[in-house]
């Protein structure tokens, strides 16, 4: 990656502060990379589910038969990495959270408090609460 954008930022900061500065890119941690991959996986799975639903509703083409094995593989890999409780949360998010009319069903924690998951980032935060060991190592 070229350092030119950083040079422009550095010059802007220098002129704003009236002194020399240094701009460094923050290194991504393993936790950051895990979060990015998780969000990408969930986003792609959501897109696949929506595409399959539309193909069935609009064209009466059942893609579920073809995608089922792949989804099972992904589910098993996620189970191996995140554990049963976390995967229960992920399964709710992917398959039970959204109604056909676009409204969102809440989850409830053990204390009975309502949890609304609007995006994969919020899902990641909840998965970490359910299984904090995910970010270890």
Protein backbone atom coordinates (compact mmCIF):
# COMPACT_ATOMS: atom_id res chain seq x y z
CA UNK A 1 0.00 0.00 0.00
CA UNK A 2 1.32 3.41 -0.91
CA UNK A 3 2.05 5.86 1.91
CA UNK A 4 0.75 8.81 -0.15
CA UNK A 5 -2.65 9.05 1.64
CA UNK A 6 -0.84 9.02 4.98
CA UNK A 7 1.51 11.76 3.77
CA UNK A 8 -1.50 13.93 2.86
CA UNK A 9 -3.03 13.31 6.28
CA UNK A 10 0.27 14.11 7.96
CA UNK A 11 0.60 17.39 6.04
CA UNK A 12 -2.95 18.36 6.98
CA UNK A 13 -2.34 17.57 10.65
CA UNK A 14 0.99 19.44 10.55
CA UNK A 15 -0.67 22.56 9.18
CA UNK A 16 -3.56 22.29 11.63
CA UNK A 17 -1.29 21.88 14.66
CA UNK A 18 1.48 24.11 13.39
CA UNK A 19 4.13 21.49 14.18
CA UNK A 20 5.61 18.27 12.85
CA UNK A 21 3.58 15.11 13.38
CA UNK A 22 3.79 11.42 12.60
CA UNK A 23 0.88 9.37 11.24
CA UNK A 24 0.98 5.62 11.79
CA UNK A 25 -1.49 2.99 10.75
CA UNK A 26 -2.84 0.97 13.65
CA UNK A 27 -2.06 -2.72 13.24
CA UNK A 28 -5.09 -4.95 13.22
CA UNK A 29 -5.20 -7.41 16.07
CA UNK A 30 -6.17 -11.05 15.77
CA UNK A 31 -9.46 -10.07 17.43
CA UNK A 32 -10.07 -7.43 14.72
CA UNK A 33 -9.41 -10.00 11.99
CA UNK A 34 -11.76 -12.53 13.61
CA UNK A 35 -14.48 -9.91 13.84
CA UNK A 36 -14.04 -8.88 10.19
CA UNK A 37 -14.19 -12.50 9.01
CA UNK A 38 -17.22 -13.24 11.17
CA UNK A 39 -19.09 -10.19 9.88
CA UNK A 40 -18.21 -11.14 6.28
CA UNK A 41 -19.41 -14.73 6.78
CA UNK A 42 -22.69 -13.61 8.34
CA UNK A 43 -23.26 -10.99 5.64
CA UNK A 44 -22.64 -13.54 2.87
CA UNK A 45 -24.92 -16.07 4.54
CA UNK A 46 -27.67 -13.45 4.85
CA UNK A 47 -27.31 -12.60 1.16
CA UNK A 48 -27.47 -16.29 0.25
CA UNK A 49 -30.61 -16.83 2.31
CA UNK A 50 -32.31 -13.78 0.80
CA UNK A 51 -31.33 -14.85 -2.73
CA UNK A 52 -32.67 -18.36 -2.14
CA UNK A 53 -35.93 -17.03 -0.70
CA UNK A 54 -36.43 -14.68 -3.65
CA UNK A 55 -35.68 -17.42 -6.18
CA UNK A 56 -38.28 -19.62 -4.54
CA UNK A 57 -40.92 -16.91 -4.09
CA UNK A 58 -40.58 -15.31 -7.51
CA UNK A 59 -39.47 -18.17 -9.74
CA UNK A 60 -40.45 -21.27 -7.76
CA UNK A 61 -36.81 -22.43 -7.95
CA UNK A 62 -35.79 -24.27 -4.80
CA UNK A 63 -32.09 -23.50 -4.24
CA UNK A 64 -32.22 -24.83 -0.70
CA UNK A 65 -31.68 -28.38 -1.97
CA UNK A 66 -28.40 -27.33 -3.53
CA UNK A 67 -27.21 -25.02 -0.79
CA UNK A 68 -28.16 -27.20 2.17
CA UNK A 69 -24.90 -29.20 2.30
CA UNK A 70 -22.80 -26.02 2.11
CA UNK A 71 -24.81 -24.39 4.88
CA UNK A 72 -24.40 -27.53 7.00
CA UNK A 73 -20.63 -27.41 6.50
CA UNK A 74 -20.49 -23.73 7.46
CA UNK A 75 -22.69 -24.37 10.51
CA UNK A 76 -20.44 -27.22 11.67
CA UNK A 77 -17.27 -25.16 11.21
CA UNK A 78 -18.80 -22.29 13.14
CA UNK A 79 -19.91 -24.72 15.87
CA UNK A 80 -16.34 -26.02 16.16
CA UNK A 81 -15.01 -22.46 16.49
CA UNK A 82 -17.66 -20.75 18.60
CA UNK A 83 -19.49 -23.42 20.62
CA UNK A 84 -23.12 -24.41 20.95
CA UNK A 85 -24.46 -21.36 22.81
CA UNK A 86 -22.88 -18.93 20.36
CA UNK A 87 -24.19 -20.90 17.38
CA UNK A 88 -27.70 -20.84 18.84
CA UNK A 89 -27.47 -17.04 18.77
CA UNK A 90 -26.10 -17.06 15.20
CA UNK A 91 -28.86 -19.44 14.04
CA UNK A 92 -31.51 -17.18 15.55
CA UNK A 93 -29.96 -14.19 13.80
CA UNK A 94 -29.86 -15.87 10.40
CA UNK A 95 -33.10 -17.84 10.40
CA UNK A 96 -35.56 -16.48 12.98
CA UNK A 97 -34.72 -12.81 13.51
CA UNK A 98 -36.39 -11.26 10.45
CA UNK A 99 -40.07 -11.51 9.65
CA UNK A 100 -41.35 -11.47 6.07
CA UNK A 101 -42.58 -7.89 6.59
CA UNK A 102 -39.06 -6.72 7.57
CA UNK A 103 -39.72 -6.40 11.29
CA UNK A 104 -37.17 -7.81 13.69
CA UNK A 105 -37.97 -10.42 16.33
CA UNK A 106 -36.17 -9.84 19.62
CA UNK A 107 -34.11 -12.39 21.50
CA UNK A 108 -34.38 -12.66 25.25
CA UNK A 109 -31.50 -13.16 27.64
CA UNK A 110 -31.82 -15.50 30.66
CA UNK A 111 -33.06 -12.55 32.76
CA UNK A 112 -35.89 -11.97 30.27
CA UNK A 113 -34.46 -8.77 28.86
CA UNK A 114 -35.12 -8.08 25.19
CA UNK A 115 -32.16 -8.04 22.81
CA UNK A 116 -32.57 -6.56 19.33
CA UNK A 117 -29.90 -7.55 16.81
CA UNK A 118 -29.88 -5.19 13.85
CA UNK A 119 -26.57 -6.10 12.18
CA UNK A 120 -23.69 -8.60 12.21
CA UNK A 121 -21.56 -6.29 14.38
CA UNK A 122 -24.13 -6.45 17.17
CA UNK A 123 -24.30 -10.21 16.65
CA UNK A 124 -20.51 -10.45 17.05
CA UNK A 125 -20.70 -8.51 20.33
CA UNK A 126 -23.39 -10.88 21.62
CA UNK A 127 -21.45 -13.96 20.49
CA UNK A 128 -18.48 -12.66 22.51
CA UNK A 129 -20.71 -12.23 25.57
CA UNK A 130 -21.98 -15.78 25.18
CA UNK A 131 -18.49 -17.21 24.63
CA UNK A 132 -15.71 -14.82 25.67
CA UNK A 133 -13.06 -17.49 24.93
CA UNK A 134 -13.48 -16.77 21.21
CA UNK A 135 -11.03 -13.88 21.44
CA UNK A 136 -8.46 -15.82 23.45
CA UNK A 137 -5.31 -17.07 21.79
